[in-house]
C-alpha atoms as a PDB file:
ATOM      1  CA  UNK A   1      -0.078  -0.145   0.378  1.00  0.00           C
ATOM      2  CA  UNK A   2       2.838   2.325   0.937  1.00  0.00           C
ATOM      3  CA  UNK A   3       4.241   4.594  -2.409  1.00  0.00           C
ATOM      4  CA  UNK A   4       5.512   7.863  -0.713  1.00  0.00           C
ATOM      5  CA  UNK A   5       6.585   8.927  -3.740  1.00  0.00           C
ATOM      6  CA  UNK A   6       2.756   9.084  -5.058  1.00  0.00           C
ATOM      7  CA  UNK A   7       1.924  11.323  -1.997  1.00  0.00           C
ATOM      8  CA  UNK A   8       5.018  13.532  -2.056  1.00  0.00           C
ATOM      9  CA  UNK A   9       5.312  14.372  -5.833  1.00  0.00           C
ATOM     10  CA  UNK A  10       2.558  17.141  -5.244  1.00  0.00           C
ATOM     11  CA  UNK A  11       4.931  18.922  -2.978  1.00  0.00           C
ATOM     12  CA  UNK A  12       2.228  21.857  -1.741  1.00  0.00           C
ATOM     13  CA  UNK A  13       1.236  20.703   1.751  1.00  0.00           C
ATOM     14  CA  UNK A  14       0.093  23.314   4.227  1.00  0.00           C
ATOM     15  CA  UNK A  15      -0.436  23.721   7.473  1.00  0.00           C
ATOM     16  CA  UNK A  16      -4.749  23.742   8.307  1.00  0.00           C
ATOM     17  CA  UNK A  17      -5.211  22.316   4.762  1.00  0.00           C
ATOM     18  CA  UNK A  18      -7.822  19.441   4.450  1.00  0.00           C
ATOM     19  CA  UNK A  19      -6.896  16.610   2.327  1.00  0.00           C
ATOM     20  CA  UNK A  20      -8.864  13.383   0.926  1.00  0.00           C
ATOM     21  CA  UNK A  21      -6.552  10.895   1.340  1.00  0.00           C
ATOM     22  CA  UNK A  22      -6.835   7.151  -0.335  1.00  0.00           C
ATOM     23  CA  UNK A  23      -5.169   3.951  -1.261  1.00  0.00           C
ATOM     24  CA  UNK A  24      -6.257   0.877  -2.563  1.00  0.00           C
ATOM     25  CA  UNK A  25      -4.824  -2.739  -2.530  1.00  0.00           C
ATOM     26  CA  UNK A  26      -2.087  -3.805  -5.144  1.00  0.00           C
ATOM     27  CA  UNK A  27      -4.291  -5.061  -8.302  1.00  0.00           C
ATOM     28  CA  UNK A  28      -7.395  -4.248  -6.435  1.00  0.00           C
ATOM     29  CA  UNK A  29      -6.604  -7.081  -3.870  1.00  0.00           C
ATOM     30  CA  UNK A  30      -8.467  -7.001  -0.555  1.00  0.00           C
ATOM     31  CA  UNK A  31      -6.354  -5.514   2.228  1.00  0.00           C
ATOM     32  CA  UNK A  32      -8.959  -6.274   5.079  1.00  0.00           C
ATOM     33  CA  UNK A  33      -9.928 -10.002   5.195  1.00  0.00           C
ATOM     34  CA  UNK A  34     -11.243  -9.713   8.869  1.00  0.00           C
ATOM     35  CA  UNK A  35     -12.694  -7.796  11.564  1.00  0.00           C
ATOM     36  CA  UNK A  36      -9.075  -8.215  13.356  1.00  0.00           C
ATOM     37  CA  UNK A  37      -7.636  -6.284  10.331  1.00  0.00           C
ATOM     38  CA  UNK A  38      -9.912  -3.454  10.465  1.00  0.00           C
ATOM     39  CA  UNK A  39      -9.195  -2.841  14.291  1.00  0.00           C
ATOM     40  CA  UNK A  40      -5.512  -2.954  13.603  1.00  0.00           C
ATOM     41  CA  UNK A  41      -5.830  -0.464  10.965  1.00  0.00           C
ATOM     42  CA  UNK A  42      -8.080   1.765  13.163  1.00  0.00           C
ATOM     43  CA  UNK A  43      -5.728   1.233  15.875  1.00  0.00           C
ATOM     44  CA  UNK A  44      -2.401   2.301  13.513  1.00  0.00           C
ATOM     45  CA  UNK A  45      -4.662   4.970  12.468  1.00  0.00           C
ATOM     46  CA  UNK A  46      -5.570   6.557  15.974  1.00  0.00           C
ATOM     47  CA  UNK A  47      -1.586   6.043  16.824  1.00  0.00           C
ATOM     48  CA  UNK A  48      -0.455   7.900  13.964  1.00  0.00           C
ATOM     49  CA  UNK A  49      -2.760  10.622  14.036  1.00  0.00           C
ATOM     50  CA  UNK A  50      -1.331  11.389  18.000  1.00  0.00           C
ATOM     51  CA  UNK A  51       1.871  11.355  16.390  1.00  0.00           C
ATOM     52  CA  UNK A  52       2.014  13.392  13.678  1.00  0.00           C
ATOM     53  CA  UNK A  53      -0.822  15.993  14.842  1.00  0.00           C
ATOM     54  CA  UNK A  54      -3.439  15.005  12.030  1.00  0.00           C
ATOM     55  CA  UNK A  55      -7.192  15.601  12.754  1.00  0.00           C
ATOM     56  CA  UNK A  56      -9.218  12.747  11.172  1.00  0.00           C
ATOM     57  CA  UNK A  57     -12.457  14.555   9.702  1.00  0.00           C
ATOM     58  CA  UNK A  58     -13.879  11.376   8.627  1.00  0.00           C
ATOM     59  CA  UNK A  59     -12.716   7.784   7.377  1.00  0.00           C
ATOM     60  CA  UNK A  60     -14.267   4.784   5.184  1.00  0.00           C
ATOM     61  CA  UNK A  61     -12.426   1.518   5.106  1.00  0.00           C
ATOM     62  CA  UNK A  62     -13.772  -0.842   2.620  1.00  0.00           C
ATOM     63  CA  UNK A  63     -12.447  -4.425   1.748  1.00  0.00           C
ATOM     64  CA  UNK A  64     -10.205  -3.219  -1.159  1.00  0.00           C
ATOM     65  CA  UNK A  65      -9.359   0.493  -0.183  1.00  0.00           C
ATOM     66  CA  UNK A  66      -9.668   3.472   2.317  1.00  0.00           C
ATOM     67  CA  UNK A  67     -10.478   7.121   2.208  1.00  0.00           C
ATOM     68  CA  UNK A  68      -9.551   9.431   4.838  1.00  0.00           C
ATOM     69  CA  UNK A  69     -10.546  13.016   5.136  1.00  0.00           C
ATOM     70  CA  UNK A  70      -7.511  14.922   7.384  1.00  0.00           C
ATOM     71  CA  UNK A  71      -6.943  18.037   8.246  1.00  0.00           C
ATOM     72  CA  UNK A  72      -2.839  18.729   8.627  1.00  0.00           C
ATOM     73  CA  UNK A  73      -2.184  20.670  11.486  1.00  0.00           C
ATOM     74  CA  UNK A  74       1.281  21.264  11.537  1.00  0.00           C
ATOM     75  CA  UNK A  75       3.796  21.843   9.025  1.00  0.00           C
ATOM     76  CA  UNK A  76       4.585  18.361   8.511  1.00  0.00           C
ATOM     77  CA  UNK A  77       3.255  17.448   5.194  1.00  0.00           C
ATOM     78  CA  UNK A  78       0.615  14.805   5.623  1.00  0.00           C
ATOM     79  CA  UNK A  79       2.271  12.213   3.591  1.00  0.00           C
ATOM     80  CA  UNK A  80       4.661  11.292   6.179  1.00  0.00           C
ATOM     81  CA  UNK A  81       1.540  10.546   8.412  1.00  0.00           C
ATOM     82  CA  UNK A  82       0.056   8.407   5.105  1.00  0.00           C
ATOM     83  CA  UNK A  83       3.265   6.765   4.739  1.00  0.00           C
ATOM     84  CA  UNK A  84       3.936   5.682   8.459  1.00  0.00           C
ATOM     85  CA  UNK A  85       0.441   4.566   8.516  1.00  0.00           C
ATOM     86  CA  UNK A  86       0.389   2.519   5.403  1.00  0.00           C
ATOM     87  CA  UNK A  87       3.996   0.987   6.250  1.00  0.00           C
ATOM     88  CA  UNK A  88       2.905  -0.183   9.444  1.00  0.00           C
ATOM     89  CA  UNK A  89      -0.425  -2.117   8.128  1.00  0.00           C
ATOM     90  CA  UNK A  90       1.399  -3.617   5.280  1.00  0.00           C
ATOM     91  CA  UNK A  91       3.923  -5.209   7.701  1.00  0.00           C
ATOM     92  CA  UNK A  92       1.099  -6.555   9.519  1.00  0.00           C
ATOM     93  CA  UNK A  93      -0.734  -7.839   6.851  1.00  0.00           C
ATOM     94  CA  UNK A  94       2.180  -9.177   5.005  1.00  0.00           C
ATOM     95  CA  UNK A  95       3.375 -11.024   8.572  1.00  0.00           C
ATOM     96  CA  UNK A  96       0.011 -12.393   9.051  1.00  0.00           C
ATOM     97  CA  UNK A  97      -0.758 -13.379   5.623  1.00  0.00           C
ATOM     98  CA  UNK A  98       2.689 -14.862   4.743  1.00  0.00           C
ATOM     99  CA  UNK A  99       2.719 -12.473   2.072  1.00  0.00           C
ATOM    100  CA  UNK A 100       5.667 -10.762   0.157  1.00  0.00           C
ATOM    101  CA  UNK A 101       5.634  -7.432  -1.771  1.00  0.00           C
ATOM    102  CA  UNK A 102       3.360  -4.638  -2.075  1.00  0.00           C
ATOM    103  CA  UNK A 103      -0.147  -4.656  -0.487  1.00  0.00           C
END
């Protein structure tokens, strides 16, 4: 799921700006297979919201993709929040499912 260059290529990130962030499983594969997967993602979402001081307005988790509406509250570009969140989830997903590569 993680592709930091996709997020960082826009280069115009601003404090107090709102962003629609989305990501889909590689090849449109499902990224959530169980309730446990959704709960793990929500737990990590909460962790990284606090770490990067991001305001989460709304979110939707679908079996093969996610949507987040978030506000960047600091000068730290929001793509760093997304990259950390999705890297963490990808590590969990790959380990749990004995999968290698992009999620």
